[in-house]
Amino acid sequence: MAFADRLKKLDAHRLQQSVKATVQSNGRLTFTVEATKEMGLSEEKSLVIFEADGGDLGAVISHKGDPDAFILKRCGLYFYVAFKNYLQQAGIDYKGQRIIYDITELDEKIDGK
């Protein structure tokens, strides 16, 4: 097999995207414009967020009004959720350190979603 036959072109468009969520000093978890597009966020949706070992988080997109979900709020082009209470409860120093979550879509389902 030739070397060229083993090559796989990288998806430059996807890999240059900033699909991230950042914790702001005010306790908001904000989503980049790319994350908003990739996740299909809108004012009609909400996020059910799960905590995993090692500080990882998981999230499932839900409908607006879901009592188990964080309310998505819009600020200009960005969306955010109020995350301050979780951060304080978890003892996370969100004011003194920069916290950025990479967002990756998984093929598995949580609670059927």
N, C-alpha and C. Protein backbone atom coordinates (compact mmCIF):
# COMPACT_ATOMS: atom_id res chain seq x y z
N MET A 1 0.85 -1.18 0.00
CA MET A 1 0.00 0.00 0.00
C MET A 1 0.89 1.23 0.00
N ALA A 2 0.62 2.15 -0.88
CA ALA A 2 1.40 3.38 -0.99
C ALA A 2 1.09 4.31 0.19
N PHE A 3 2.04 5.16 0.49
CA PHE A 3 1.87 6.12 1.59
C PHE A 3 0.64 6.98 1.37
N ALA A 4 0.44 7.45 0.15
CA ALA A 4 -0.70 8.32 -0.15
C ALA A 4 -2.03 7.62 0.11
N ASP A 5 -2.05 6.31 -0.04
CA ASP A 5 -3.29 5.56 0.20
C ASP A 5 -3.64 5.48 1.68
N ARG A 6 -2.68 5.71 2.54
CA ARG A 6 -2.91 5.64 3.99
C ARG A 6 -3.24 6.99 4.60
N LEU A 7 -3.20 8.01 3.80
CA LEU A 7 -3.45 9.36 4.31
C LEU A 7 -4.94 9.66 4.42
N LYS A 8 -5.26 10.41 5.42
CA LYS A 8 -6.64 10.86 5.63
C LYS A 8 -6.58 12.37 5.83
N LYS A 9 -7.30 13.10 5.00
CA LYS A 9 -7.29 14.56 5.08
C LYS A 9 -8.01 15.01 6.34
N LEU A 10 -7.41 15.93 7.08
CA LEU A 10 -8.02 16.47 8.29
C LEU A 10 -9.14 17.43 7.93
N ASP A 11 -10.17 17.47 8.73
CA ASP A 11 -11.29 18.37 8.53
C ASP A 11 -10.91 19.74 9.10
N ALA A 12 -10.23 20.53 8.30
CA ALA A 12 -9.70 21.82 8.74
C ALA A 12 -10.80 22.74 9.27
N HIS A 13 -11.93 22.75 8.60
CA HIS A 13 -13.03 23.62 9.05
C HIS A 13 -13.44 23.28 10.49
N ARG A 14 -13.67 22.01 10.75
CA ARG A 14 -14.10 21.59 12.08
C ARG A 14 -13.00 21.78 13.11
N LEU A 15 -11.78 21.46 12.75
CA LEU A 15 -10.68 21.51 13.72
C LEU A 15 -10.26 22.93 14.08
N GLN A 16 -10.64 23.90 13.26
CA GLN A 16 -10.30 25.29 13.57
C GLN A 16 -11.42 26.00 14.34
N GLN A 17 -12.50 25.31 14.56
CA GLN A 17 -13.62 25.87 15.30
C GLN A 17 -13.28 25.95 16.79
N SER A 18 -13.87 26.88 17.47
CA SER A 18 -13.69 27.02 18.91
C SER A 18 -14.98 26.58 19.60
N VAL A 19 -15.18 25.26 19.64
CA VAL A 19 -16.39 24.70 20.24
C VAL A 19 -16.09 24.51 21.72
N LYS A 20 -16.32 25.58 22.47
CA LYS A 20 -15.94 25.60 23.87
C LYS A 20 -16.99 26.31 24.72
N ALA A 21 -16.90 26.06 26.01
CA ALA A 21 -17.69 26.80 26.99
C ALA A 21 -16.69 27.33 28.02
N THR A 22 -16.86 28.57 28.42
CA THR A 22 -15.94 29.22 29.34
C THR A 22 -16.68 29.70 30.57
N VAL A 23 -16.09 29.49 31.72
CA VAL A 23 -16.66 30.00 32.96
C VAL A 23 -16.18 31.44 33.14
N GLN A 24 -17.10 32.36 33.26
CA GLN A 24 -16.78 33.77 33.46
C GLN A 24 -16.62 34.06 34.96
N SER A 25 -16.00 35.17 35.28
CA SER A 25 -15.78 35.52 36.68
C SER A 25 -17.08 35.82 37.42
N ASN A 26 -18.18 36.01 36.69
CA ASN A 26 -19.47 36.23 37.33
C ASN A 26 -20.24 34.92 37.56
N GLY A 27 -19.60 33.79 37.21
CA GLY A 27 -20.22 32.49 37.42
C GLY A 27 -21.06 31.99 36.28
N ARG A 28 -21.06 32.68 35.16
CA ARG A 28 -21.81 32.21 33.99
C ARG A 28 -20.96 31.23 33.20
N LEU A 29 -21.60 30.20 32.68
CA LEU A 29 -20.96 29.28 31.76
C LEU A 29 -21.41 29.71 30.37
N THR A 30 -20.49 30.31 29.61
CA THR A 30 -20.84 30.87 28.31
C THR A 30 -20.35 29.96 27.19
N PHE A 31 -21.10 29.93 26.11
CA PHE A 31 -20.80 29.09 24.96
C PHE A 31 -20.38 29.95 23.78
N THR A 32 -19.28 29.56 23.12
CA THR A 32 -18.82 30.31 21.95
C THR A 32 -19.88 30.25 20.85
N VAL A 33 -19.73 31.13 19.87
CA VAL A 33 -20.65 31.14 18.73
C VAL A 33 -20.60 29.79 18.03
N GLU A 34 -19.40 29.23 17.88
CA GLU A 34 -19.26 27.93 17.24
C GLU A 34 -19.97 26.84 18.04
N ALA A 35 -19.85 26.90 19.36
CA ALA A 35 -20.52 25.92 20.22
C ALA A 35 -22.03 26.06 20.09
N THR A 36 -22.50 27.29 20.03
CA THR A 36 -23.93 27.55 19.88
C THR A 36 -24.45 26.90 18.60
N LYS A 37 -23.71 27.06 17.50
CA LYS A 37 -24.12 26.47 16.23
C LYS A 37 -24.03 24.96 16.28
N GLU A 38 -22.92 24.43 16.77
CA GLU A 38 -22.70 22.98 16.81
C GLU A 38 -23.74 22.28 17.68
N MET A 39 -24.11 22.91 18.79
CA MET A 39 -25.06 22.30 19.72
C MET A 39 -26.51 22.63 19.38
N GLY A 40 -26.72 23.56 18.46
CA GLY A 40 -28.07 23.94 18.08
C GLY A 40 -28.80 24.67 19.20
N LEU A 41 -28.07 25.49 19.95
CA LEU A 41 -28.68 26.20 21.08
C LEU A 41 -29.63 27.29 20.60
N SER A 42 -30.69 27.47 21.35
CA SER A 42 -31.65 28.54 21.07
C SER A 42 -32.37 28.88 22.37
N GLU A 43 -33.14 29.93 22.32
CA GLU A 43 -33.89 30.35 23.50
C GLU A 43 -35.03 29.39 23.83
N GLU A 44 -35.32 28.48 22.92
CA GLU A 44 -36.37 27.49 23.13
C GLU A 44 -35.83 26.18 23.72
N LYS A 45 -34.55 26.15 24.03
CA LYS A 45 -33.92 24.95 24.57
C LYS A 45 -33.31 25.22 25.93
N SER A 46 -32.92 24.15 26.60
CA SER A 46 -32.23 24.25 27.88
C SER A 46 -31.21 23.12 27.95
N LEU A 47 -30.39 23.11 29.00
CA LEU A 47 -29.34 22.10 29.13
C LEU A 47 -29.47 21.33 30.43
N VAL A 48 -29.51 20.02 30.32
CA VAL A 48 -29.39 19.16 31.49
C VAL A 48 -27.90 18.85 31.59
N ILE A 49 -27.29 19.21 32.72
CA ILE A 49 -25.84 19.05 32.87
C ILE A 49 -25.56 17.99 33.93
N PHE A 50 -24.61 17.12 33.60
CA PHE A 50 -24.21 16.02 34.48
C PHE A 50 -22.75 16.22 34.89
N GLU A 51 -22.44 15.83 36.11
CA GLU A 51 -21.07 15.91 36.63
C GLU A 51 -20.44 14.53 36.56
N ALA A 52 -19.20 14.46 36.10
CA ALA A 52 -18.48 13.19 36.02
C ALA A 52 -17.21 13.29 36.85
N ASP A 53 -16.56 12.16 37.05
CA ASP A 53 -15.29 12.14 37.77
C ASP A 53 -14.26 13.01 37.06
N GLY A 54 -13.35 13.57 37.83
CA GLY A 54 -12.24 14.32 37.26
C GLY A 54 -12.59 15.72 36.79
N GLY A 55 -13.77 16.21 37.12
CA GLY A 55 -14.14 17.57 36.72
C GLY A 55 -14.79 17.67 35.36
N ASP A 56 -14.96 16.54 34.67
CA ASP A 56 -15.64 16.58 33.38
C ASP A 56 -17.14 16.80 33.59
N LEU A 57 -17.76 17.41 32.59
CA LEU A 57 -19.20 17.61 32.60
C LEU A 57 -19.79 17.00 31.34
N GLY A 58 -21.01 16.58 31.43
CA GLY A 58 -21.76 16.12 30.27
C GLY A 58 -23.03 16.93 30.20
N ALA A 59 -23.57 17.07 29.02
CA ALA A 59 -24.80 17.84 28.86
C ALA A 59 -25.67 17.22 27.78
N VAL A 60 -26.96 17.38 27.97
CA VAL A 60 -27.96 16.94 27.01
C VAL A 60 -28.85 18.14 26.72
N ILE A 61 -29.11 18.37 25.44
CA ILE A 61 -30.01 19.45 25.04
C ILE A 61 -31.43 19.02 25.37
N SER A 62 -32.18 19.92 26.00
CA SER A 62 -33.57 19.63 26.35
C SER A 62 -34.44 20.80 25.90
N HIS A 63 -35.70 20.71 26.21
CA HIS A 63 -36.64 21.75 25.82
C HIS A 63 -36.73 22.83 26.89
N LYS A 64 -37.16 24.00 26.49
CA LYS A 64 -37.37 25.10 27.43
C LYS A 64 -38.43 24.67 28.44
N GLY A 65 -38.19 24.95 29.70
CA GLY A 65 -39.15 24.61 30.73
C GLY A 65 -38.89 23.27 31.40
N ASP A 66 -37.86 22.55 30.97
CA ASP A 66 -37.51 21.28 31.61
C ASP A 66 -37.07 21.59 33.05
N PRO A 67 -37.75 21.03 34.06
CA PRO A 67 -37.41 21.37 35.45
C PRO A 67 -36.03 20.85 35.89
N ASP A 68 -35.45 19.90 35.15
CA ASP A 68 -34.13 19.36 35.47
C ASP A 68 -33.01 20.07 34.72
N ALA A 69 -33.34 21.08 33.96
CA ALA A 69 -32.36 21.70 33.07
C ALA A 69 -32.02 23.13 33.48
N PHE A 70 -30.82 23.53 33.06
CA PHE A 70 -30.39 24.92 33.22
C PHE A 70 -31.01 25.74 32.11
N ILE A 71 -31.49 26.92 32.44
CA ILE A 71 -32.13 27.81 31.47
C ILE A 71 -31.06 28.47 30.62
N LEU A 72 -31.20 28.38 29.31
CA LEU A 72 -30.28 29.06 28.40
C LEU A 72 -30.73 30.51 28.25
N LYS A 73 -29.78 31.42 28.41
CA LYS A 73 -30.05 32.84 28.24
C LYS A 73 -29.14 33.38 27.16
N ARG A 74 -29.64 34.36 26.44
CA ARG A 74 -28.88 34.94 25.33
C ARG A 74 -28.29 36.28 25.75
N CYS A 75 -27.04 36.50 25.30
CA CYS A 75 -26.38 37.79 25.50
C CYS A 75 -25.65 38.09 24.20
N GLY A 76 -26.28 38.88 23.33
CA GLY A 76 -25.70 39.14 22.02
C GLY A 76 -25.70 37.88 21.18
N LEU A 77 -24.53 37.49 20.68
CA LEU A 77 -24.40 36.28 19.87
C LEU A 77 -24.22 35.03 20.72
N TYR A 78 -23.99 35.21 22.01
CA TYR A 78 -23.65 34.10 22.89
C TYR A 78 -24.84 33.61 23.71
N PHE A 79 -24.73 32.37 24.15
CA PHE A 79 -25.66 31.81 25.12
C PHE A 79 -24.90 31.48 26.38
N TYR A 80 -25.59 31.50 27.51
CA TYR A 80 -24.97 31.13 28.78
C TYR A 80 -26.00 30.53 29.71
N VAL A 81 -25.49 29.86 30.74
CA VAL A 81 -26.34 29.38 31.83
C VAL A 81 -25.75 29.93 33.13
N ALA A 82 -26.61 30.18 34.09
CA ALA A 82 -26.17 30.61 35.41
C ALA A 82 -25.56 29.40 36.10
N PHE A 83 -24.27 29.45 36.39
CA PHE A 83 -23.53 28.29 36.88
C PHE A 83 -22.84 28.55 38.21
N LYS A 84 -23.02 29.73 38.73
CA LYS A 84 -22.33 30.18 39.95
C LYS A 84 -22.60 29.26 41.14
N ASN A 85 -23.84 28.89 41.36
CA ASN A 85 -24.17 28.05 42.52
C ASN A 85 -23.47 26.70 42.44
N TYR A 86 -23.43 26.10 41.25
CA TYR A 86 -22.72 24.83 41.10
C TYR A 86 -21.23 25.01 41.40
N LEU A 87 -20.63 26.03 40.83
CA LEU A 87 -19.20 26.27 41.01
C LEU A 87 -18.85 26.46 42.49
N GLN A 88 -19.67 27.23 43.18
CA GLN A 88 -19.44 27.45 44.61
C GLN A 88 -19.62 26.15 45.40
N GLN A 89 -20.67 25.41 45.11
CA GLN A 89 -20.94 24.14 45.79
C GLN A 89 -19.81 23.14 45.57
N ALA A 90 -19.22 23.14 44.37
CA ALA A 90 -18.14 22.22 44.04
C ALA A 90 -16.78 22.72 44.53
N GLY A 91 -16.76 23.92 45.09
CA GLY A 91 -15.50 24.48 45.59
C GLY A 91 -14.54 24.87 44.49
N ILE A 92 -15.06 25.26 43.35
CA ILE A 92 -14.23 25.63 42.20
C ILE A 92 -13.95 27.13 42.24
N ASP A 93 -12.68 27.49 42.20
CA ASP A 93 -12.26 28.90 42.24
C ASP A 93 -12.41 29.50 40.85
N TYR A 94 -13.63 29.83 40.48
CA TYR A 94 -13.91 30.34 39.14
C TYR A 94 -13.48 31.80 38.97
N LYS A 95 -13.24 32.50 40.07
CA LYS A 95 -12.77 33.89 39.97
C LYS A 95 -11.25 33.97 39.84
N GLY A 96 -10.55 33.00 40.43
CA GLY A 96 -9.10 33.04 40.45
C GLY A 96 -8.41 32.23 39.37
N GLN A 97 -9.17 31.41 38.65
CA GLN A 97 -8.56 30.61 37.59
C GLN A 97 -9.44 30.62 36.35
N ARG A 98 -8.82 30.40 35.22
CA ARG A 98 -9.55 30.37 33.95
C ARG A 98 -10.00 28.93 33.70
N ILE A 99 -11.30 28.75 33.47
CA ILE A 99 -11.86 27.41 33.25
C ILE A 99 -12.52 27.39 31.88
N ILE A 100 -12.03 26.49 31.04
CA ILE A 100 -12.57 26.33 29.69
C ILE A 100 -12.86 24.86 29.45
N TYR A 101 -14.05 24.58 28.98
CA TYR A 101 -14.45 23.21 28.65
C TYR A 101 -14.46 23.05 27.14
N ASP A 102 -13.80 22.00 26.64
CA ASP A 102 -13.91 21.63 25.24
C ASP A 102 -15.21 20.85 25.08
N ILE A 103 -15.93 21.12 24.02
CA ILE A 103 -17.21 20.45 23.78
C ILE A 103 -17.03 19.44 22.66
N THR A 104 -17.37 18.21 22.98
CA THR A 104 -17.25 17.11 22.04
C THR A 104 -18.57 16.35 22.01
N GLU A 105 -19.08 16.11 20.82
CA GLU A 105 -20.32 15.34 20.69
C GLU A 105 -20.00 13.86 20.78
N LEU A 106 -20.77 13.16 21.59
CA LEU A 106 -20.60 11.72 21.74
C LEU A 106 -21.77 10.99 21.10
N ASP A 107 -21.54 9.76 20.72
CA ASP A 107 -22.60 8.96 20.10
C ASP A 107 -23.51 8.27 21.10
N GLU A 108 -23.23 8.42 22.37
CA GLU A 108 -24.04 7.73 23.37
C GLU A 108 -25.18 8.62 23.86
N LYS A 109 -26.17 7.99 24.47
CA LYS A 109 -27.33 8.71 24.97
C LYS A 109 -27.36 8.67 26.48
N ILE A 110 -27.92 9.73 27.06
CA ILE A 110 -28.11 9.81 28.51
C ILE A 110 -29.58 10.08 28.73
N ASP A 111 -30.20 9.28 29.55
CA ASP A 111 -31.64 9.40 29.80
C ASP A 111 -32.45 9.39 28.50
N GLY A 112 -31.99 8.62 27.53
CA GLY A 112 -32.71 8.51 26.25
C GLY A 112 -32.56 9.68 25.33
N LYS A 113 -31.70 10.62 25.68
CA LYS A 113 -31.50 11.83 24.84
C LYS A 113 -30.11 11.83 24.26
